[in-house]
Amino acid sequence: MNRFGSGLVLTVLISIVLGSAPFGIMDAYAQPVLYGIAYEHGTGGFDPDAPSTLYAVSPSTGASIPVGPVGFLECSGMDQDPATGIMYATCHRPGDLVQVLVTINLTTGQGTEVGPVVGGNVGSGADRISDISFRNSDSTLYGYGGPDGPVFTININSGAATQVGPFPSHDPPLAGNTLAFSLTDTLYHQHVGGPPPSLPPTLLTVNQNNGAESLVSVIFGPTGNNPRFNAFEFNPSTGTLYGSSVTGNLNLGFGPTLLWTINLGNNIATLQGQTVDGIDALAFVDAPDCTSDADCNDSNACTTDTCNTATGQCSNPAIVCDDNDACNGLESCDTATGCVAGTPLVCNDGQFCTLDSCNTATGCVFAPNPDPSCQSVGGEFIGVDNSALLVTGFEANALWLLPAIAAIGIGVVVIRRIR
């Protein structure tokens, strides 16, 4: 999002780590939050060393609230990775004005450098990345080299920039360039109409394979001395195109920064309101699902309701009712009340010659009883009770059993084989 089209500098690529929406800026809790980065400039020109500040911006009025200083200079592009929720922006490193990859904390606005953006013609023919936008289908990051192109793809892990197609032929070079993917992945771009006093800005589409530009229409709305859009962004919830505009130039000074919506059906821009001066980058952030665990209540006692405050996302994993104790039965869960205890096992087989117990891992255990009355017959344990005799498959001679019968002192016993 290059407003001025001058100065040979390298631009900074910033990654913004999502946080909670600051200071209650959200007009509606379920709506995406619009952020902007602005840098200071004087009434007679712009300061290339101006520090940048992150703002939260009302999409309906343009009213803004400062989040905090970025710690980098002249930020000129910003967009959120649809796959990861991380936001990226383009700025200059203090001191040497090199374009670098940094992360920004949305709670404080503070940026932390990751690495430089290098490659293609960035820093030579193109003096900055004037705007950036992620393609929704595959999270490829595109950037427009200011002030006059070309288009680049940018590696978000290394910052490497790869030129897409040749430099466009614009004479004179044009400023105020923007770049934004629609929800259906059409890549839009804007040029100023010409030197002041100028025609209205023009809307174009960009071929994502070769960088070729196709004219759509003049954008009707912004007026004044050299009116131009310096930032584009689509609302991910509604698909509405937003843009910030400025007027004037380095020599004549700048007018106020205004926030617009642009109807792609008739290319008419509708003013939402004046926003903070110096905004040169816009990006929507998906509204957080939550700011605390209480926001994630799904009215299901069988889930744990948790809010990740770093990403604003809820998670509701199922609770584990199983206590890993087979002896107290199989636990279940009632969605209204939570965990329900199981029915304890009854480990009693009614056999004297087994020792009945329960193993918490496997359940009931019926071990042989070492009592002397539980004798071995044919390699098997037998149990003797004092009421009747029952032979169940043992291989013993009946006469061999008579001493055992006589020892009990009754006429009938039961000899039970214990398996």
Protein backbone atom coordinates (compact mmCIF):
# COMPACT_ATOMS: atom_id res chain seq x y z
CA MET A 1 0.00 0.00 0.00
CA ASN A 2 2.29 2.71 -1.30
CA ARG A 3 0.93 6.20 -0.93
CA PHE A 4 3.88 8.16 -2.25
CA GLY A 5 5.77 6.15 -4.82
CA SER A 6 9.20 7.53 -3.88
CA GLY A 7 12.29 6.57 -1.96
CA LEU A 8 14.60 3.64 -2.67
CA VAL A 9 14.13 1.40 0.31
CA LEU A 10 13.55 -2.21 1.13
CA THR A 11 10.24 -3.03 2.80
CA VAL A 12 9.63 -5.05 6.01
CA LEU A 13 7.44 -8.15 6.06
CA ILE A 14 5.65 -8.48 9.38
CA SER A 15 3.84 -11.44 10.87
CA ILE A 16 1.15 -10.43 13.33
CA VAL A 17 0.29 -12.91 16.06
CA LEU A 18 -3.40 -12.87 16.81
CA GLY A 19 -4.58 -11.68 20.18
CA SER A 20 -7.74 -10.42 21.74
CA ALA A 21 -9.45 -7.37 20.27
CA PRO A 22 -8.16 -4.31 22.13
CA PHE A 23 -10.19 -1.83 24.13
CA GLY A 24 -13.61 -3.17 23.11
CA ILE A 25 -13.21 -1.94 19.53
CA MET A 26 -15.45 -4.66 18.07
CA ASP A 27 -18.73 -3.20 16.94
CA ALA A 28 -20.28 -6.68 17.24
CA TYR A 29 -18.66 -9.62 18.95
CA ALA A 30 -19.21 -12.02 16.06
CA GLN A 31 -17.88 -9.65 13.37
CA PRO A 32 -14.32 -9.56 12.03
CA VAL A 33 -12.09 -6.84 13.47
CA LEU A 34 -10.45 -4.30 11.17
CA TYR A 35 -6.88 -3.28 11.95
CA GLY A 36 -4.79 -0.58 10.33
CA ILE A 37 -1.18 0.51 10.53
CA ALA A 38 -0.45 4.22 10.24
CA TYR A 39 2.74 6.22 10.15
CA GLU A 40 3.28 9.88 10.74
CA HIS A 41 3.89 12.51 8.10
CA GLY A 42 4.06 16.25 8.09
CA THR A 43 1.60 18.56 6.38
CA GLY A 44 4.18 19.43 3.74
CA GLY A 45 5.43 15.96 3.02
CA PHE A 46 6.14 12.57 4.47
CA ASP A 47 8.90 11.41 6.75
CA PRO A 48 10.52 8.19 5.45
CA ASP A 49 11.70 7.44 8.98
CA ALA A 50 8.25 7.84 10.53
CA PRO A 51 7.41 5.18 13.12
CA SER A 52 4.31 3.06 12.61
CA THR A 53 1.47 2.42 15.05
CA LEU A 54 -1.12 -0.34 15.04
CA TYR A 55 -4.77 0.75 15.32
CA ALA A 56 -8.10 -0.99 15.64
CA VAL A 57 -10.57 0.62 13.24
CA SER A 58 -14.36 0.64 13.20
CA PRO A 59 -15.49 -0.63 9.76
CA SER A 60 -18.71 1.37 10.02
CA THR A 61 -17.32 4.78 11.03
CA GLY A 62 -13.55 4.77 10.56
CA ALA A 63 -13.05 5.66 14.23
CA SER A 64 -9.74 4.25 15.45
CA ILE A 65 -8.13 3.32 18.73
CA PRO A 66 -4.34 2.94 19.04
CA VAL A 67 -3.10 -0.48 20.06
CA GLY A 68 0.57 0.41 20.33
CA PRO A 69 3.79 1.19 18.43
CA VAL A 70 4.98 -1.43 15.96
CA GLY A 71 8.65 -0.56 16.42
CA PHE A 72 9.17 -0.49 12.63
CA LEU A 73 8.85 2.28 10.04
CA GLU A 74 6.45 3.15 7.21
CA CYS A 75 4.36 -0.04 7.28
CA SER A 76 2.59 -0.27 3.94
CA GLY A 77 0.85 -3.65 3.64
CA MET A 78 -0.94 -6.10 5.90
CA ASP A 79 -3.00 -9.28 5.57
CA GLN A 80 -3.99 -12.37 7.55
CA ASP A 81 -2.98 -15.87 6.51
CA PRO A 82 -6.34 -17.66 6.15
CA ALA A 83 -4.76 -21.00 7.01
CA THR A 84 -2.97 -20.09 10.23
CA GLY A 85 -4.61 -16.88 11.43
CA ILE A 86 -1.20 -15.17 11.50
CA MET A 87 -1.17 -11.73 9.98
CA TYR A 88 1.63 -10.30 7.89
CA ALA A 89 2.51 -6.74 7.02
CA THR A 90 5.24 -4.81 5.21
CA CYS A 91 7.41 -2.21 6.97
CA HIS A 92 10.96 -0.90 7.08
CA ARG A 93 13.56 -1.80 9.66
CA PRO A 94 14.74 1.20 11.69
CA GLY A 95 18.21 2.41 10.82
CA ASP A 96 18.88 0.82 7.43
CA LEU A 97 15.26 0.79 6.09
CA VAL A 98 15.60 -2.83 4.98
CA GLN A 99 12.44 -4.82 4.46
CA VAL A 100 12.23 -7.61 7.05
CA LEU A 101 9.86 -10.26 8.35
CA VAL A 102 8.67 -9.52 11.88
CA THR A 103 5.87 -10.62 14.18
CA ILE A 104 3.51 -8.21 15.92
CA ASN A 105 1.58 -8.75 19.10
CA LEU A 106 -1.93 -7.40 18.54
CA THR A 107 -2.33 -6.76 22.24
CA THR A 108 0.64 -4.38 22.36
CA GLY A 109 1.35 -3.63 18.69
CA GLN A 110 5.02 -4.50 19.20
CA GLY A 111 6.86 -6.03 16.26
CA THR A 112 9.67 -8.60 16.42
CA GLU A 113 11.91 -9.16 13.39
CA VAL A 114 11.99 -12.58 11.72
CA GLY A 115 14.09 -11.94 8.60
CA PRO A 116 14.57 -9.75 5.53
CA VAL A 117 12.43 -9.79 2.39
CA VAL A 118 14.85 -10.30 -0.51
CA GLY A 119 14.75 -11.44 -4.12
CA GLY A 120 13.23 -10.39 -7.41
CA ASN A 121 13.61 -6.66 -7.96
CA VAL A 122 12.65 -5.63 -4.45
CA GLY A 123 15.04 -2.89 -3.45
CA SER A 124 16.04 -2.07 -7.00
CA GLY A 125 13.31 -1.34 -9.54
CA ALA A 126 10.63 -1.71 -6.87
CA ASP A 127 11.42 0.32 -3.80
CA ARG A 128 8.93 -1.36 -1.52
CA ILE A 129 6.08 -3.84 -1.30
CA SER A 130 3.20 -1.40 -1.36
CA ASP A 131 0.49 -3.92 -0.43
CA ILE A 132 0.14 -7.63 0.23
CA SER A 133 -2.70 -10.14 0.11
CA PHE A 134 -3.10 -13.87 0.73
CA ARG A 135 -4.78 -16.09 -1.83
CA ASN A 136 -7.52 -17.87 0.09
CA SER A 137 -7.28 -21.23 -1.68
CA ASP A 138 -3.65 -22.00 -0.81
CA SER A 139 -2.38 -19.14 1.42
CA THR A 140 0.11 -17.92 -1.18
CA LEU A 141 1.16 -14.38 -0.28
CA TYR A 142 1.25 -11.85 -3.11
CA GLY A 143 2.79 -8.39 -2.93
CA TYR A 144 2.74 -5.38 -5.22
CA GLY A 145 6.07 -3.60 -5.66
CA GLY A 146 5.75 0.12 -5.29
CA PRO A 147 5.46 2.59 -6.76
CA ASP A 148 4.89 0.93 -10.12
CA GLY A 149 4.93 -2.84 -9.77
CA PRO A 150 5.64 -5.62 -10.51
CA VAL A 151 3.77 -8.35 -8.63
CA PHE A 152 5.68 -10.73 -6.36
CA THR A 153 4.98 -13.86 -4.39
CA ILE A 154 6.56 -13.82 -0.93
CA ASN A 155 7.76 -16.81 1.06
CA ILE A 156 6.37 -16.23 4.55
CA ASN A 157 8.97 -18.50 6.14
CA SER A 158 12.05 -16.85 4.66
CA GLY A 159 10.86 -13.53 3.24
CA ALA A 160 12.14 -14.40 -0.26
CA ALA A 161 10.29 -12.51 -3.01
CA THR A 162 9.77 -14.02 -6.46
CA GLN A 163 8.77 -11.71 -9.30
CA VAL A 164 5.60 -12.64 -11.20
CA GLY A 165 5.87 -11.33 -14.75
CA PRO A 166 7.59 -8.20 -16.10
CA PHE A 167 7.42 -4.66 -14.82
CA PRO A 168 4.22 -2.97 -16.03
CA SER A 169 4.64 -0.03 -18.37
CA HIS A 170 3.23 3.10 -16.70
CA ASP A 171 4.34 6.54 -17.70
CA PRO A 172 4.56 8.41 -15.44
CA PRO A 173 4.97 5.88 -12.59
CA LEU A 174 1.83 5.56 -10.52
CA ALA A 175 1.42 5.74 -6.74
CA GLY A 176 -1.21 4.67 -4.22
CA ASN A 177 -1.14 1.05 -5.30
CA THR A 178 -3.24 -1.59 -3.54
CA LEU A 179 -3.68 -5.34 -3.69
CA ALA A 180 -6.45 -7.60 -2.34
CA PHE A 181 -7.86 -11.04 -3.06
CA SER A 182 -11.63 -11.35 -3.07
CA LEU A 183 -13.25 -14.25 -1.25
CA THR A 184 -13.33 -16.08 -4.61
CA ASP A 185 -9.63 -15.31 -5.23
CA THR A 186 -9.89 -12.59 -7.85
CA LEU A 187 -6.89 -10.34 -7.31
CA TYR A 188 -7.78 -6.63 -7.37
CA HIS A 189 -5.48 -3.67 -7.68
CA GLN A 190 -5.81 0.11 -8.00
CA HIS A 191 -3.93 2.84 -9.84
CA VAL A 192 -4.25 6.58 -9.46
CA GLY A 193 -5.85 8.22 -12.46
CA GLY A 194 -2.91 10.50 -13.23
CA PRO A 195 -0.88 13.44 -11.95
CA PRO A 196 -2.76 16.20 -10.07
CA PRO A 197 -5.28 17.46 -10.85
CA SER A 198 -6.12 13.89 -11.75
CA LEU A 199 -8.83 11.55 -12.86
CA PRO A 200 -10.47 9.24 -10.31
CA PRO A 201 -8.54 6.10 -9.35
CA THR A 202 -9.01 3.03 -11.53
CA LEU A 203 -9.77 -0.54 -10.48
CA LEU A 204 -7.96 -3.43 -12.16
CA THR A 205 -7.62 -7.20 -11.83
CA VAL A 206 -4.22 -8.89 -11.85
CA ASN A 207 -3.31 -12.15 -13.55
CA GLN A 208 -1.79 -14.26 -10.80
CA ASN A 209 0.46 -16.19 -13.21
CA ASN A 210 2.07 -13.39 -15.19
CA GLY A 211 1.16 -10.14 -13.41
CA ALA A 212 -0.82 -8.74 -16.36
CA GLU A 213 -3.37 -6.09 -15.41
CA SER A 214 -6.90 -5.74 -16.82
CA LEU A 215 -8.97 -2.57 -16.43
CA VAL A 216 -12.29 -2.98 -14.63
CA SER A 217 -13.54 0.58 -14.22
CA VAL A 218 -12.97 3.96 -12.73
CA ILE A 219 -13.79 4.01 -9.00
CA PHE A 220 -16.36 6.73 -8.37
CA GLY A 221 -16.20 8.39 -4.96
CA PRO A 222 -12.91 9.90 -3.81
CA THR A 223 -12.34 13.43 -5.02
CA GLY A 224 -9.84 16.18 -4.48
CA ASN A 225 -6.21 16.67 -5.39
CA ASN A 226 -4.81 13.39 -6.73
CA PRO A 227 -7.28 11.08 -4.90
CA ARG A 228 -6.11 7.51 -4.53
CA PHE A 229 -6.59 4.40 -2.44
CA ASN A 230 -3.55 3.30 -0.48
CA ALA A 231 -5.01 0.12 1.07
CA PHE A 232 -7.57 -2.51 0.05
CA GLU A 233 -9.06 -5.31 2.16
CA PHE A 234 -12.06 -7.62 1.77
CA ASN A 235 -14.25 -8.29 4.78
CA PRO A 236 -14.02 -12.10 5.18
CA SER A 237 -17.55 -12.26 6.58
CA THR A 238 -19.45 -10.17 4.03
CA GLY A 239 -17.12 -10.07 1.02
CA THR A 240 -17.29 -6.26 0.99
CA LEU A 241 -14.21 -4.44 -0.32
CA TYR A 242 -12.86 -1.75 2.00
CA GLY A 243 -10.30 0.86 1.09
CA SER A 244 -8.53 3.80 2.68
CA SER A 245 -7.85 6.86 0.55
CA VAL A 246 -5.70 9.98 0.66
CA THR A 247 -5.31 13.08 -1.45
CA GLY A 248 -2.37 15.38 -2.17
CA ASN A 249 1.28 14.51 -2.66
CA LEU A 250 4.75 15.09 -1.26
CA ASN A 251 4.96 18.66 -2.46
CA LEU A 252 1.41 19.82 -1.83
CA GLY A 253 0.73 18.01 1.42
CA PHE A 254 -1.88 15.41 2.23
CA GLY A 255 -5.57 15.54 2.94
CA PRO A 256 -7.32 13.44 5.59
CA THR A 257 -7.34 9.64 5.38
CA LEU A 258 -10.84 8.32 4.64
CA LEU A 259 -12.38 4.84 4.93
CA TRP A 260 -14.64 3.60 2.11
CA THR A 261 -16.56 0.56 0.96
CA ILE A 262 -16.45 -0.17 -2.77
CA ASN A 263 -19.38 -1.76 -4.59
CA LEU A 264 -17.88 -4.06 -7.23
CA GLY A 265 -21.21 -4.16 -9.02
CA ASN A 266 -21.17 -0.47 -9.99
CA ASN A 267 -17.67 0.54 -8.77
CA ILE A 268 -19.09 3.29 -6.56
CA ALA A 269 -17.25 3.98 -3.32
CA THR A 270 -19.30 4.89 -0.24
CA LEU A 271 -17.66 6.92 2.51
CA GLN A 272 -17.74 5.30 5.96
CA GLY A 273 -15.90 8.10 7.72
CA GLN A 274 -12.57 9.73 8.39
CA THR A 275 -9.98 7.50 10.00
CA VAL A 276 -6.57 8.05 11.54
CA ASP A 277 -4.24 10.01 9.27
CA GLY A 278 -1.35 8.08 7.83
CA ILE A 279 -3.04 4.68 7.60
CA ASP A 280 -1.37 2.79 4.77
CA ALA A 281 -2.32 -0.81 5.55
CA LEU A 282 -5.63 -2.50 6.36
CA ALA A 283 -6.44 -6.05 7.40
CA PHE A 284 -9.44 -7.81 8.83
CA VAL A 285 -8.93 -10.33 11.62
CA ASP A 286 -11.54 -12.98 12.20
CA ALA A 287 -13.39 -12.10 15.39
CA PRO A 288 -12.31 -14.30 18.28
CA ASP A 289 -14.73 -17.02 19.31
CA CYS A 290 -13.83 -16.33 22.91
CA THR A 291 -11.88 -14.32 25.40
CA SER A 292 -12.43 -16.70 28.34
CA ASP A 293 -13.49 -20.30 28.96
CA ALA A 294 -16.99 -19.10 29.82
CA ASP A 295 -17.47 -18.00 26.20
CA CYS A 296 -16.99 -21.60 25.04
CA ASN A 297 -19.84 -23.19 27.01
CA ASP A 298 -21.54 -25.69 24.70
CA SER A 299 -24.10 -26.81 27.31
CA ASN A 300 -22.69 -30.32 27.22
CA ALA A 301 -21.48 -31.72 30.54
CA CYS A 302 -19.49 -34.34 28.64
CA THR A 303 -17.02 -31.82 27.16
CA THR A 304 -14.35 -29.56 28.59
CA ASP A 305 -14.90 -25.97 27.43
CA THR A 306 -11.61 -24.17 26.83
CA CYS A 307 -10.65 -20.83 25.26
CA ASN A 308 -7.24 -20.38 23.68
CA THR A 309 -6.80 -16.68 24.39
CA ALA A 310 -3.82 -16.46 22.02
CA THR A 311 -5.92 -17.43 18.99
CA GLY A 312 -9.42 -16.61 20.26
CA GLN A 313 -10.59 -20.12 19.36
CA CYS A 314 -12.79 -22.44 21.44
CA SER A 315 -12.19 -26.14 21.86
CA ASN A 316 -14.62 -28.62 23.39
CA PRO A 317 -12.93 -32.00 23.68
CA ALA A 318 -14.84 -34.87 25.27
CA ILE A 319 -14.09 -35.48 28.92
CA VAL A 320 -12.70 -38.87 29.94
CA CYS A 321 -14.95 -40.66 32.41
CA ASP A 322 -13.04 -43.94 32.39
CA ASP A 323 -10.99 -44.18 35.59
CA ASN A 324 -9.01 -47.18 34.27
CA ASP A 325 -10.46 -49.39 37.02
CA ALA A 326 -12.18 -52.46 35.59
CA CYS A 327 -13.45 -53.46 39.02
CA ASN A 328 -15.88 -50.59 39.50
CA GLY A 329 -17.62 -51.04 36.16
CA LEU A 330 -17.69 -49.16 32.88
CA GLU A 331 -18.24 -45.41 33.35
CA SER A 332 -20.45 -43.45 30.98
CA CYS A 333 -21.37 -39.79 30.48
CA ASP A 334 -24.69 -37.98 30.68
CA THR A 335 -24.72 -34.74 28.67
CA ALA A 336 -26.75 -33.07 31.41
CA THR A 337 -24.88 -34.23 34.51
CA GLY A 338 -21.48 -35.48 33.36
CA CYS A 339 -19.73 -38.71 34.28
CA VAL A 340 -21.84 -41.60 35.56
CA ALA A 341 -20.28 -44.39 37.63
CA GLY A 342 -20.40 -47.92 36.30
CA THR A 343 -21.79 -51.04 38.04
CA PRO A 344 -19.05 -52.68 40.14
CA LEU A 345 -18.14 -56.23 39.19
CA VAL A 346 -19.24 -59.08 41.49
CA CYS A 347 -16.30 -61.49 41.55
CA ASN A 348 -17.86 -64.47 43.35
CA ASP A 349 -18.17 -67.78 41.53
CA GLY A 350 -19.49 -69.66 44.57
CA GLN A 351 -16.55 -72.06 44.50
CA PHE A 352 -14.63 -72.93 47.65
CA CYS A 353 -11.55 -73.97 45.74
CA THR A 354 -11.06 -70.59 44.04
CA LEU A 355 -9.84 -67.38 45.53
CA ASP A 356 -12.05 -64.66 44.06
CA SER A 357 -10.53 -61.21 43.52
CA CYS A 358 -10.54 -58.31 41.05
CA ASN A 359 -7.65 -56.93 39.00
CA THR A 360 -8.19 -53.24 38.20
CA ALA A 361 -6.72 -53.76 34.76
CA THR A 362 -8.48 -56.97 33.69
CA GLY A 363 -11.45 -57.51 36.00
CA CYS A 364 -12.41 -60.65 37.96
CA VAL A 365 -9.75 -63.23 38.80
CA PHE A 366 -10.54 -66.77 40.08
CA ALA A 367 -7.28 -68.24 41.32
CA PRO A 368 -6.89 -71.83 42.66
CA ASN A 369 -7.33 -72.12 46.43
CA PRO A 370 -4.25 -73.69 48.05
CA ASP A 371 -6.35 -75.06 50.94
CA PRO A 372 -5.44 -78.77 51.62
CA SER A 373 -9.03 -79.79 51.14
CA CYS A 374 -8.71 -78.69 47.48
CA GLN A 375 -6.77 -81.84 46.41
CA SER A 376 -5.17 -82.66 43.08
CA VAL A 377 -6.83 -85.50 41.19
CA GLY A 378 -5.40 -86.44 37.84
CA GLY A 379 -3.51 -83.21 37.71
CA GLU A 380 -6.60 -81.16 38.56
CA PHE A 381 -7.81 -79.53 41.75
CA ILE A 382 -10.85 -81.00 43.37
CA GLY A 383 -12.92 -79.48 46.08
CA VAL A 384 -14.75 -81.45 48.74
CA ASP A 385 -17.87 -80.24 50.41
CA ASN A 386 -19.79 -82.13 53.07
CA SER A 387 -23.01 -82.86 51.33
CA ALA A 388 -22.70 -84.93 48.17
CA LEU A 389 -20.25 -86.43 45.68
CA LEU A 390 -20.08 -85.08 42.10
CA VAL A 391 -17.36 -86.28 39.76
CA THR A 392 -16.87 -84.01 36.76
CA GLY A 393 -14.40 -85.38 34.28
CA PHE A 394 -11.48 -86.25 36.53
CA GLU A 395 -9.45 -89.34 35.71
CA ALA A 396 -9.11 -90.73 39.24
CA ASN A 397 -10.03 -94.30 40.35
CA ALA A 398 -13.13 -94.26 42.61
CA LEU A 399 -11.42 -96.58 45.08
CA TRP A 400 -8.60 -94.07 45.36
CA LEU A 401 -11.14 -91.55 46.55
CA LEU A 402 -12.53 -93.65 49.40
CA PRO A 403 -10.04 -92.35 52.03
CA ALA A 404 -11.19 -88.84 51.29
CA ILE A 405 -14.81 -89.86 51.61
CA ALA A 406 -14.15 -91.70 54.86
CA ALA A 407 -12.25 -88.73 56.28
CA ILE A 408 -15.35 -86.58 56.05
CA GLY A 409 -17.35 -89.09 57.98
CA ILE A 410 -20.52 -88.99 55.88
CA GLY A 411 -21.82 -91.20 53.18
CA VAL A 412 -21.89 -88.70 50.29
CA VAL A 413 -19.50 -85.93 49.35
CA VAL A 414 -19.07 -83.69 46.33
CA ILE A 415 -15.72 -83.63 44.63
CA ARG A 416 -15.59 -80.65 42.29
CA ARG A 417 -13.01 -80.21 39.63
CA ILE A 418 -11.79 -76.65 39.54
CA ARG A 419 -10.67 -75.51 36.11
